[in-house]
């Protein structure tokens, strides 16, 4: 049986990642350290050959994909792979959110799927769009090696979906760092975690 390999890559660091500002679906670029992280990951996985590359359309993900796989690589962007939209929390520091929205913040940390952030995307819709598009990518690329360059929340959701009882119970069990690779191998429909947070 041919195995399908899925390489999940989180974008490199941005200034907002560094300072603890929540950007979600707001388009922010990599900082210099983030570009260095992506270049370092490329050097670490330079023997990695892929058949297809998919990316969130946000610039921090597209730039990471180009740095990891080369300027000539064909990168297909899909809006379903972009980070969760945090509504009123976009552009706010974590400490400010905790102070101005204390009840919602605590609820989000413990029951993120059911928490309704003002003006934000519904978590159920976020989870559905991310998981659906990646499962479709895997289904339509049997026996291939596919890279998906995305965001921390997206990759957490996918790993929790593949390897935990539910996304809600597994989401916070995965700390996905900037410019890291997590590799999932599919034996038919069975997902096997080969590497996690590799850099």
Protein backbone atom coordinates (compact mmCIF):
# COMPACT_ATOMS: atom_id res chain seq x y z
CA UNK A 1 0.00 0.00 0.00
CA UNK A 2 1.32 3.42 -0.98
CA UNK A 3 1.56 5.85 1.92
CA UNK A 4 0.56 9.48 1.68
CA UNK A 5 2.81 11.91 3.53
CA UNK A 6 1.48 15.17 4.92
CA UNK A 7 3.99 17.81 6.02
CA UNK A 8 2.43 20.47 8.25
CA UNK A 9 4.59 23.59 8.55
CA UNK A 10 3.87 26.59 10.72
CA UNK A 11 5.01 29.98 9.42
CA UNK A 12 8.08 31.69 10.86
CA UNK A 13 8.00 34.31 13.59
CA UNK A 14 6.31 37.69 13.21
CA UNK A 15 6.74 40.71 15.45
CA UNK A 16 3.28 40.02 16.84
CA UNK A 17 4.20 36.41 17.71
CA UNK A 18 7.27 37.74 19.48
CA UNK A 19 5.37 40.34 21.50
CA UNK A 20 2.28 38.27 22.32
CA UNK A 21 -0.17 40.17 20.12
CA UNK A 22 -2.98 38.05 18.70
CA UNK A 23 -3.29 38.59 14.95
CA UNK A 24 -5.33 35.62 13.73
CA UNK A 25 -6.42 36.34 10.16
CA UNK A 26 -4.84 39.82 10.06
CA UNK A 27 -2.08 39.80 7.44
CA UNK A 28 1.30 40.40 9.07
CA UNK A 29 4.75 39.68 7.56
CA UNK A 30 7.58 37.62 8.91
CA UNK A 31 10.23 39.49 10.87
CA UNK A 32 13.93 38.96 10.19
CA UNK A 33 14.13 36.18 12.76
CA UNK A 34 11.14 34.47 11.15
CA UNK A 35 12.85 34.54 7.77
CA UNK A 36 15.98 33.07 9.33
CA UNK A 37 13.87 30.36 10.97
CA UNK A 38 12.33 29.43 7.61
CA UNK A 39 15.74 29.35 5.92
CA UNK A 40 17.08 27.17 8.72
CA UNK A 41 14.16 24.77 8.34
CA UNK A 42 14.90 24.56 4.63
CA UNK A 43 18.48 23.58 5.39
CA UNK A 44 17.30 20.98 7.89
CA UNK A 45 14.88 19.36 5.44
CA UNK A 46 16.78 19.98 2.20
CA UNK A 47 16.38 16.34 1.22
CA UNK A 48 12.60 16.61 1.55
CA UNK A 49 10.88 16.26 -1.80
CA UNK A 50 7.23 17.19 -2.15
CA UNK A 51 4.74 16.73 -4.93
CA UNK A 52 2.42 19.60 -4.00
CA UNK A 53 2.57 22.65 -1.72
CA UNK A 54 -0.50 24.32 -0.25
CA UNK A 55 -0.46 27.46 1.85
CA UNK A 56 -2.60 29.89 3.73
CA UNK A 57 -2.87 33.08 1.63
CA UNK A 58 -1.57 35.23 4.51
CA UNK A 59 1.86 36.65 3.67
CA UNK A 60 3.64 35.12 6.67
CA UNK A 61 2.67 31.65 5.44
CA UNK A 62 3.33 32.26 1.73
CA UNK A 63 6.75 33.76 2.45
CA UNK A 64 7.62 30.83 4.70
CA UNK A 65 6.61 28.40 1.96
CA UNK A 66 8.79 30.23 -0.58
CA UNK A 67 11.76 30.31 1.79
CA UNK A 68 11.44 26.62 2.68
CA UNK A 69 10.76 25.26 -0.81
CA UNK A 70 12.37 27.92 -3.04
CA UNK A 71 11.16 30.89 -5.05
CA UNK A 72 10.38 28.70 -8.05
CA UNK A 73 8.12 26.32 -6.14
CA UNK A 74 4.47 26.24 -7.18
CA UNK A 75 2.47 27.23 -4.12
CA UNK A 76 -1.31 26.86 -4.16
CA UNK A 77 -3.03 29.18 -1.67
CA UNK A 78 -6.35 28.34 -0.07
CA UNK A 79 -8.23 30.65 2.30
CA UNK A 80 -9.48 27.63 4.26
CA UNK A 81 -5.91 27.25 5.57
CA UNK A 82 -5.68 30.69 7.14
CA UNK A 83 -5.73 31.27 10.87
CA UNK A 84 -8.86 31.71 12.96
CA UNK A 85 -10.39 35.18 12.84
CA UNK A 86 -10.48 36.50 16.41
CA UNK A 87 -12.92 39.36 15.85
CA UNK A 88 -12.51 42.07 18.50
CA UNK A 89 -9.39 40.33 19.83
CA UNK A 90 -7.42 40.83 16.61
CA UNK A 91 -4.39 43.04 17.25
CA UNK A 92 -4.68 42.82 21.05
CA UNK A 93 -2.03 41.61 23.47
CA UNK A 94 -2.91 38.49 25.44
CA UNK A 95 -2.65 40.38 28.73
CA UNK A 96 -5.04 43.06 27.45
CA UNK A 97 -7.55 40.43 26.35
CA UNK A 98 -7.35 38.74 29.76
CA UNK A 99 -7.97 42.11 31.46
CA UNK A 100 -10.75 43.42 29.20
CA UNK A 101 -12.52 40.10 28.55
CA UNK A 102 -11.70 38.05 31.69
CA UNK A 103 -14.66 35.66 31.58
CA UNK A 104 -14.48 35.00 27.86
CA UNK A 105 -10.69 34.62 28.05
CA UNK A 106 -10.90 31.95 30.76
CA UNK A 107 -13.66 30.17 28.90
CA UNK A 108 -11.56 30.20 25.72
CA UNK A 109 -8.61 28.63 27.52
CA UNK A 110 -10.74 25.77 28.82
CA UNK A 111 -13.52 25.31 26.25
CA UNK A 112 -12.39 27.02 23.08
CA UNK A 113 -14.91 25.31 20.81
CA UNK A 114 -17.95 26.75 22.59
CA UNK A 115 -16.58 30.20 23.40
CA UNK A 116 -18.03 33.05 21.36
CA UNK A 117 -15.54 35.89 20.98
CA UNK A 118 -17.30 39.13 19.94
CA UNK A 119 -17.13 39.53 16.17
CA UNK A 120 -15.08 36.35 15.73
CA UNK A 121 -15.46 33.36 13.49
CA UNK A 122 -17.34 30.45 15.08
CA UNK A 123 -14.82 27.84 16.25
CA UNK A 124 -16.96 25.04 14.83
CA UNK A 125 -16.76 26.69 11.40
CA UNK A 126 -13.01 27.24 11.76
CA UNK A 127 -12.39 23.63 12.73
CA UNK A 128 -14.61 22.37 9.91
CA UNK A 129 -12.96 24.44 7.15
CA UNK A 130 -9.40 23.54 8.16
CA UNK A 131 -10.00 19.82 8.67
CA UNK A 132 -12.18 19.52 5.57
CA UNK A 133 -9.68 21.09 3.19
CA UNK A 134 -6.73 19.07 4.50
CA UNK A 135 -8.65 15.80 4.44
CA UNK A 136 -9.63 16.60 0.85
CA UNK A 137 -5.98 17.32 -0.01
CA UNK A 138 -4.93 13.97 1.46
CA UNK A 139 -7.79 12.14 -0.27
CA UNK A 140 -6.96 13.57 -3.69
CA UNK A 141 -3.18 12.97 -3.41
CA UNK A 142 -2.92 9.25 -2.62
CA UNK A 143 0.66 8.03 -2.39
CA UNK A 144 2.00 11.60 -2.71
CA UNK A 145 4.03 13.91 -0.49
CA UNK A 146 2.09 17.05 0.29
CA UNK A 147 3.16 20.12 2.26
CA UNK A 148 0.67 22.44 3.97
CA UNK A 149 2.08 25.74 5.28
CA UNK A 150 -0.32 27.25 7.76
CA UNK A 151 -0.75 28.58 11.30
CA UNK A 152 -0.51 27.38 14.87
CA UNK A 153 -4.24 27.11 15.48
CA UNK A 154 -4.81 25.27 12.22
CA UNK A 155 -2.06 22.72 12.85
CA UNK A 156 -3.19 22.19 16.44
CA UNK A 157 -6.71 21.50 15.20
CA UNK A 158 -5.47 19.01 12.63
CA UNK A 159 -3.23 17.13 15.05
CA UNK A 160 -5.99 17.01 17.65
CA UNK A 161 -8.41 15.74 15.00
CA UNK A 162 -6.06 13.02 13.82
CA UNK A 163 -4.67 11.87 17.16
CA UNK A 164 -7.06 12.78 19.99
CA UNK A 165 -10.57 11.87 21.03
CA UNK A 166 -11.79 15.25 19.82
CA UNK A 167 -10.42 18.60 18.72
CA UNK A 168 -11.73 20.23 21.90
CA UNK A 169 -9.91 17.74 24.14
CA UNK A 170 -6.71 17.66 22.11
CA UNK A 171 -6.25 21.23 20.91
CA UNK A 172 -4.17 22.49 23.83
CA UNK A 173 -2.04 19.33 23.99
CA UNK A 174 0.05 20.47 21.01
CA UNK A 175 2.41 23.44 21.25
CA UNK A 176 3.29 24.20 17.64
CA UNK A 177 6.32 26.48 17.39
CA UNK A 178 7.15 28.87 14.55
CA UNK A 179 8.86 27.40 11.48
CA UNK A 180 8.49 23.78 12.58
CA UNK A 181 7.54 20.67 10.64
CA UNK A 182 5.10 18.01 11.80
CA UNK A 183 4.88 14.94 9.57
CA UNK A 184 1.85 12.68 9.33
CA UNK A 185 1.91 9.48 7.29
CA UNK A 186 -1.34 7.88 6.17
CA UNK A 187 -1.58 4.13 5.80
CA UNK A 188 -4.89 4.16 4.00
CA UNK A 189 -7.04 6.22 6.35
CA UNK A 190 -4.85 5.55 9.41
CA UNK A 191 -2.78 8.61 10.41
CA UNK A 192 0.64 7.99 11.99
CA UNK A 193 2.62 10.83 13.58
CA UNK A 194 6.21 10.57 12.31
CA UNK A 195 7.63 13.90 13.44
CA UNK A 196 6.33 16.74 15.60
CA UNK A 197 7.68 20.28 15.99
CA UNK A 198 10.81 19.37 14.02
CA UNK A 199 13.23 22.18 13.20
